[in-house]
Amino acid sequence: MYDVLKSIHIIAAVVWVGGAFTSQLFAIKAQRSSDPVDLIRLGRLFEYVGLRVYAPASIILIIAGVLMTLDRWSFGQLWISISLTLWLLSFLAGLFYLGPKSKALAELFEREGPTSPEGVALRSRLFLISRTELVFFVIIIALMVFKPGA
């Protein structure tokens, strides 16, 4: 059972982390695009994919991780505690900030155009938070691989 859970955990992580990395590449491409509609499409796409792919993958990942921890590990281990904390921060940021603000950004650019000062500032905040999230993912992956203190 542990190996099944581990496989599910890894597949969900690949979807979630791979999606976040790919989203960054799309964001850079859209930001550099000469077509202002690309940023609008990107905001709509992030909101759509975030709620339908990234959030479910994240939930599946955490359920499998918790079940594996109950089976073989301990929540008192530092590498697990840090990973859970970073997962929670990332999940909450995606659910309550990145997803809704991506939608708001698309709407703002539709109304005011891609050069809107408010839209440009929001886009910068979204990119900063999503890139910070990628750093969290790298830390979590390293913790899962090396399991310091285990």
Protein backbone atom coordinates (compact mmCIF):
# COMPACT_ATOMS: atom_id res chain seq x y z
CA MET A 1 0.00 0.00 0.00
CA TYR A 2 2.86 2.36 0.82
CA ASP A 3 4.27 2.04 -2.70
CA VAL A 4 0.86 2.79 -4.23
CA LEU A 5 0.52 5.90 -2.06
CA LYS A 6 4.07 6.94 -2.90
CA SER A 7 3.32 6.60 -6.63
CA ILE A 8 0.15 8.67 -6.29
CA HIS A 9 2.05 11.25 -4.23
CA ILE A 10 4.81 11.55 -6.84
CA ILE A 11 2.41 11.73 -9.80
CA ALA A 12 0.41 14.48 -8.09
CA ALA A 13 3.65 16.34 -7.31
CA VAL A 14 4.74 16.10 -10.94
CA VAL A 15 1.41 17.57 -12.08
CA TRP A 16 1.43 20.35 -9.48
CA VAL A 17 5.10 21.33 -9.68
CA GLY A 18 5.36 20.77 -13.42
CA GLY A 19 2.26 22.88 -13.92
CA ALA A 20 3.69 25.68 -11.81
CA PHE A 21 6.94 25.63 -13.75
CA THR A 22 5.14 25.57 -17.10
CA SER A 23 2.90 28.41 -15.95
CA GLN A 24 6.00 30.50 -15.28
CA LEU A 25 7.23 29.89 -18.81
CA PHE A 26 3.84 30.87 -20.24
CA ALA A 27 3.79 33.98 -18.07
CA ILE A 28 7.21 35.07 -19.34
CA LYS A 29 6.13 34.45 -22.93
CA ALA A 30 2.87 36.37 -22.51
CA GLN A 31 4.64 39.24 -20.76
CA ARG A 32 7.02 39.59 -23.71
CA SER A 33 4.32 39.15 -26.35
CA SER A 34 3.39 41.99 -28.66
CA ASP A 35 -0.24 40.82 -28.57
CA PRO A 36 -1.91 42.42 -25.52
CA VAL A 37 -4.63 39.78 -25.59
CA ASP A 38 -2.10 37.14 -24.56
CA LEU A 39 -2.00 38.47 -21.00
CA ILE A 40 -5.79 38.36 -20.79
CA ARG A 41 -5.88 34.80 -22.07
CA LEU A 42 -3.14 33.81 -19.66
CA GLY A 43 -5.01 35.17 -16.64
CA ARG A 44 -8.14 33.28 -17.64
CA LEU A 45 -6.14 30.12 -18.29
CA PHE A 46 -4.37 30.26 -14.91
CA GLU A 47 -7.64 30.69 -13.08
CA TYR A 48 -9.19 27.77 -15.00
CA VAL A 49 -6.27 25.36 -14.66
CA GLY A 50 -5.53 26.36 -11.08
CA LEU A 51 -8.95 25.37 -9.83
CA ARG A 52 -9.39 22.31 -12.01
CA VAL A 53 -5.89 20.80 -12.13
CA TYR A 54 -3.43 22.33 -9.64
CA ALA A 55 -5.72 22.46 -6.60
CA PRO A 56 -6.97 18.84 -7.01
CA ALA A 57 -3.39 17.60 -7.64
CA SER A 58 -2.28 19.41 -4.50
CA ILE A 59 -5.06 17.84 -2.44
CA ILE A 60 -4.32 14.35 -3.78
CA LEU A 61 -0.63 14.94 -3.04
CA ILE A 62 -1.27 15.91 0.57
CA ILE A 63 -3.71 13.06 1.23
CA ALA A 64 -1.23 10.51 -0.09
CA GLY A 65 1.57 12.18 1.88
CA VAL A 66 -0.40 12.15 5.12
CA LEU A 67 -1.32 8.50 4.66
CA MET A 68 2.33 7.60 3.98
CA THR A 69 3.38 9.54 7.07
CA LEU A 70 0.84 7.69 9.19
CA ASP A 71 2.14 4.39 7.82
CA ARG A 72 5.91 4.86 8.04
CA TRP A 73 6.95 8.27 9.31
CA SER A 74 6.09 10.79 12.01
CA PHE A 75 4.65 14.29 11.78
CA GLY A 76 7.21 15.28 14.41
CA GLN A 77 10.06 14.91 11.94
CA LEU A 78 11.37 18.29 10.87
CA TRP A 79 11.47 17.51 7.14
CA ILE A 80 7.80 16.55 7.22
CA SER A 81 6.77 19.56 9.32
CA ILE A 82 8.57 22.00 7.01
CA SER A 83 7.14 20.32 3.92
CA LEU A 84 3.61 20.46 5.32
CA THR A 85 4.00 24.12 6.23
CA LEU A 86 5.30 25.04 2.77
CA TRP A 87 2.56 22.98 1.13
CA LEU A 88 -0.08 24.77 3.18
CA LEU A 89 1.33 28.20 2.33
CA SER A 90 1.43 27.31 -1.35
CA PHE A 91 -2.04 25.78 -1.38
CA LEU A 92 -3.59 28.75 0.39
CA ALA A 93 -1.75 31.22 -1.83
CA GLY A 94 -3.00 29.44 -4.93
CA LEU A 95 -6.55 29.02 -3.73
CA PHE A 96 -7.12 32.42 -2.18
CA TYR A 97 -4.72 34.67 -4.05
CA LEU A 98 -3.21 33.38 -7.28
CA GLY A 99 -6.41 31.90 -8.72
CA PRO A 100 -8.76 34.79 -7.90
CA LYS A 101 -6.19 37.47 -8.70
CA SER A 102 -5.40 35.84 -12.06
CA LYS A 103 -9.06 36.19 -12.92
CA ALA A 104 -9.08 39.79 -11.64
CA LEU A 105 -5.98 40.55 -13.69
CA ALA A 106 -7.62 39.27 -16.87
CA GLU A 107 -10.70 41.39 -16.16
CA LEU A 108 -8.56 44.43 -15.41
CA PHE A 109 -6.60 44.07 -18.63
CA GLU A 110 -9.85 43.58 -20.57
CA ARG A 111 -11.22 46.85 -19.14
CA GLU A 112 -8.13 49.02 -19.07
CA GLY A 113 -5.71 47.36 -21.47
CA PRO A 114 -2.40 45.59 -20.82
CA THR A 115 -0.59 48.81 -19.90
CA SER A 116 -2.90 49.57 -16.98
CA PRO A 117 -0.65 50.64 -14.08
CA GLU A 118 -2.85 48.75 -11.63
CA GLY A 119 -2.77 45.67 -13.88
CA VAL A 120 0.99 45.81 -14.34
CA ALA A 121 1.46 46.08 -10.55
CA LEU A 122 -0.90 43.15 -9.93
CA ARG A 123 0.85 41.07 -12.59
CA SER A 124 4.19 41.75 -10.90
CA ARG A 125 2.81 40.63 -7.52
CA LEU A 126 1.34 37.49 -9.06
CA PHE A 127 4.64 36.64 -10.74
CA LEU A 128 6.57 37.24 -7.51
CA ILE A 129 4.26 35.02 -5.46
CA SER A 130 4.18 32.25 -8.04
CA ARG A 131 7.98 32.31 -8.34
CA THR A 132 8.27 32.18 -4.56
CA GLU A 133 5.98 29.18 -4.71
CA LEU A 134 8.45 27.49 -7.08
CA VAL A 135 11.20 28.02 -4.51
CA PHE A 136 8.95 26.34 -1.94
CA PHE A 137 8.51 23.40 -4.33
CA VAL A 138 12.27 23.02 -4.75
CA ILE A 139 12.72 23.01 -0.97
CA ILE A 140 9.91 20.47 -0.51
CA ILE A 141 11.34 18.19 -3.20
CA ALA A 142 14.80 18.36 -1.60
CA LEU A 143 13.29 17.55 1.80
CA MET A 144 11.39 14.58 0.35
CA VAL A 145 14.51 13.24 -1.36
CA PHE A 146 17.05 13.73 1.44
CA LYS A 147 14.75 13.41 4.49
CA PRO A 148 17.14 15.23 6.84
CA GLY A 149 16.95 13.89 10.36
CA ALA A 150 15.07 10.74 9.32
